[in-house]
């Protein structure tokens, strides 16, 4: 982050946006019936942040595909099994 000082307004705004994203994803995966939606949301958002960062820095949009494949595995393992 370019504004590491937690008192900086830009830092505070970015922090709030990141926390909001986790809450929104947690709500979505909760609706799917996933186990531990808060944990899964953190994993998925971290995955998305990492993919976006790598794609931007390395100039390769394919990181979205890698992130999607990993997200599918996370979702599959978090969904309740049906008998």
C-alpha atoms as a PDB file:
ATOM      1  CA  UNK A   1       0.000   0.000   0.000  1.00  0.00           C
ATOM      2  CA  UNK A   2       1.312   3.430  -0.841  1.00  0.00           C
ATOM      3  CA  UNK A   3      -0.176   4.985   2.280  1.00  0.00           C
ATOM      4  CA  UNK A   4       1.059   2.762   5.137  1.00  0.00           C
ATOM      5  CA  UNK A   5       0.192   5.255   7.891  1.00  0.00           C
ATOM      6  CA  UNK A   6      -3.091   4.013   9.419  1.00  0.00           C
ATOM      7  CA  UNK A   7      -4.001   7.619  10.269  1.00  0.00           C
ATOM      8  CA  UNK A   8      -3.871   8.631   6.603  1.00  0.00           C
ATOM      9  CA  UNK A   9      -7.329   9.146   5.072  1.00  0.00           C
ATOM     10  CA  UNK A  10      -6.439   7.121   1.960  1.00  0.00           C
ATOM     11  CA  UNK A  11      -5.239   4.225   4.106  1.00  0.00           C
ATOM     12  CA  UNK A  12      -8.414   4.355   6.189  1.00  0.00           C
ATOM     13  CA  UNK A  13     -10.608   4.383   3.092  1.00  0.00           C
ATOM     14  CA  UNK A  14      -8.752   1.448   1.510  1.00  0.00           C
ATOM     15  CA  UNK A  15      -9.006  -0.498   4.772  1.00  0.00           C
ATOM     16  CA  UNK A  16     -12.760   0.061   4.983  1.00  0.00           C
ATOM     17  CA  UNK A  17     -13.244  -1.039   1.358  1.00  0.00           C
ATOM     18  CA  UNK A  18     -11.262  -4.235   1.985  1.00  0.00           C
ATOM     19  CA  UNK A  19     -13.274  -5.019   5.110  1.00  0.00           C
ATOM     20  CA  UNK A  20     -16.512  -4.358   3.224  1.00  0.00           C
ATOM     21  CA  UNK A  21     -15.479  -6.762   0.475  1.00  0.00           C
ATOM     22  CA  UNK A  22     -14.881  -9.530   3.015  1.00  0.00           C
ATOM     23  CA  UNK A  23     -18.309  -8.932   4.562  1.00  0.00           C
ATOM     24  CA  UNK A  24     -20.021  -9.023   1.153  1.00  0.00           C
ATOM     25  CA  UNK A  25     -18.264 -12.226   0.112  1.00  0.00           C
ATOM     26  CA  UNK A  26     -19.041 -13.804   3.503  1.00  0.00           C
ATOM     27  CA  UNK A  27     -22.738 -13.044   2.954  1.00  0.00           C
ATOM     28  CA  UNK A  28     -22.649 -14.604  -0.508  1.00  0.00           C
ATOM     29  CA  UNK A  29     -20.912 -17.813   0.532  1.00  0.00           C
ATOM     30  CA  UNK A  30     -23.159 -18.040   3.566  1.00  0.00           C
ATOM     31  CA  UNK A  31     -26.166 -18.009   1.223  1.00  0.00           C
ATOM     32  CA  UNK A  32     -24.585 -20.960  -0.594  1.00  0.00           C
ATOM     33  CA  UNK A  33     -24.473 -22.859   2.681  1.00  0.00           C
ATOM     34  CA  UNK A  34     -20.695 -22.929   2.891  1.00  0.00           C
ATOM     35  CA  UNK A  35     -19.073 -23.969   6.138  1.00  0.00           C
ATOM     36  CA  UNK A  36     -17.200 -21.197   7.957  1.00  0.00           C
ATOM     37  CA  UNK A  37     -18.226 -18.371   5.606  1.00  0.00           C
ATOM     38  CA  UNK A  38     -16.003 -15.772   7.298  1.00  0.00           C
ATOM     39  CA  UNK A  39     -12.904 -17.932   6.878  1.00  0.00           C
ATOM     40  CA  UNK A  40     -13.766 -18.758   3.276  1.00  0.00           C
ATOM     41  CA  UNK A  41     -14.446 -15.089   2.525  1.00  0.00           C
ATOM     42  CA  UNK A  42     -10.997 -14.112   3.831  1.00  0.00           C
ATOM     43  CA  UNK A  43      -9.420 -16.813   1.671  1.00  0.00           C
ATOM     44  CA  UNK A  44     -11.293 -15.784  -1.461  1.00  0.00           C
ATOM     45  CA  UNK A  45     -10.660 -12.070  -0.998  1.00  0.00           C
ATOM     46  CA  UNK A  46      -6.977 -12.692  -0.304  1.00  0.00           C
ATOM     47  CA  UNK A  47      -6.834 -14.789  -3.453  1.00  0.00           C
ATOM     48  CA  UNK A  48      -8.500 -12.040  -5.484  1.00  0.00           C
ATOM     49  CA  UNK A  49      -6.200  -9.347  -4.074  1.00  0.00           C
ATOM     50  CA  UNK A  50      -3.145 -11.442  -4.874  1.00  0.00           C
ATOM     51  CA  UNK A  51      -4.305 -12.206  -8.393  1.00  0.00           C
ATOM     52  CA  UNK A  52      -5.089  -8.548  -9.085  1.00  0.00           C
ATOM     53  CA  UNK A  53      -1.729  -7.453  -7.732  1.00  0.00           C
ATOM     54  CA  UNK A  54       0.226 -10.020  -9.738  1.00  0.00           C
ATOM     55  CA  UNK A  55      -1.722  -9.273 -12.920  1.00  0.00           C
ATOM     56  CA  UNK A  56      -1.055  -5.576 -12.550  1.00  0.00           C
ATOM     57  CA  UNK A  57       2.625  -5.796 -11.614  1.00  0.00           C
ATOM     58  CA  UNK A  58       3.503  -8.548 -14.081  1.00  0.00           C
ATOM     59  CA  UNK A  59       1.199  -7.335 -16.849  1.00  0.00           C
ATOM     60  CA  UNK A  60      -0.411 -10.760 -17.215  1.00  0.00           C
ATOM     61  CA  UNK A  61      -4.204 -11.002 -16.992  1.00  0.00           C
ATOM     62  CA  UNK A  62      -4.035 -14.812 -16.753  1.00  0.00           C
ATOM     63  CA  UNK A  63      -3.674 -14.613 -12.985  1.00  0.00           C
ATOM     64  CA  UNK A  64      -7.443 -14.297 -12.873  1.00  0.00           C
ATOM     65  CA  UNK A  65      -7.682 -17.798 -14.336  1.00  0.00           C
ATOM     66  CA  UNK A  66      -5.301 -19.163 -11.726  1.00  0.00           C
ATOM     67  CA  UNK A  67      -7.285 -17.474  -8.969  1.00  0.00           C
ATOM     68  CA  UNK A  68     -10.551 -18.831 -10.326  1.00  0.00           C
ATOM     69  CA  UNK A  69      -9.206 -22.395 -10.347  1.00  0.00           C
ATOM     70  CA  UNK A  70      -8.060 -22.032  -6.738  1.00  0.00           C
ATOM     71  CA  UNK A  71     -11.369 -20.413  -5.736  1.00  0.00           C
ATOM     72  CA  UNK A  72     -13.300 -23.336  -7.220  1.00  0.00           C
ATOM     73  CA  UNK A  73     -11.291 -25.743  -5.073  1.00  0.00           C
ATOM     74  CA  UNK A  74     -11.919 -23.643  -1.971  1.00  0.00           C
ATOM     75  CA  UNK A  75     -15.638 -23.442  -2.697  1.00  0.00           C
ATOM     76  CA  UNK A  76     -15.940 -27.154  -3.425  1.00  0.00           C
ATOM     77  CA  UNK A  77     -14.280 -28.024  -0.136  1.00  0.00           C
ATOM     78  CA  UNK A  78     -16.467 -25.562   1.800  1.00  0.00           C
ATOM     79  CA  UNK A  79     -19.815 -26.663   0.431  1.00  0.00           C
ATOM     80  CA  UNK A  80     -21.704 -29.207   2.496  1.00  0.00           C
ATOM     81  CA  UNK A  81     -21.661 -32.697   1.082  1.00  0.00           C
ATOM     82  CA  UNK A  82     -24.972 -34.092  -0.053  1.00  0.00           C
ATOM     83  CA  UNK A  83     -25.909 -37.713   0.329  1.00  0.00           C
END
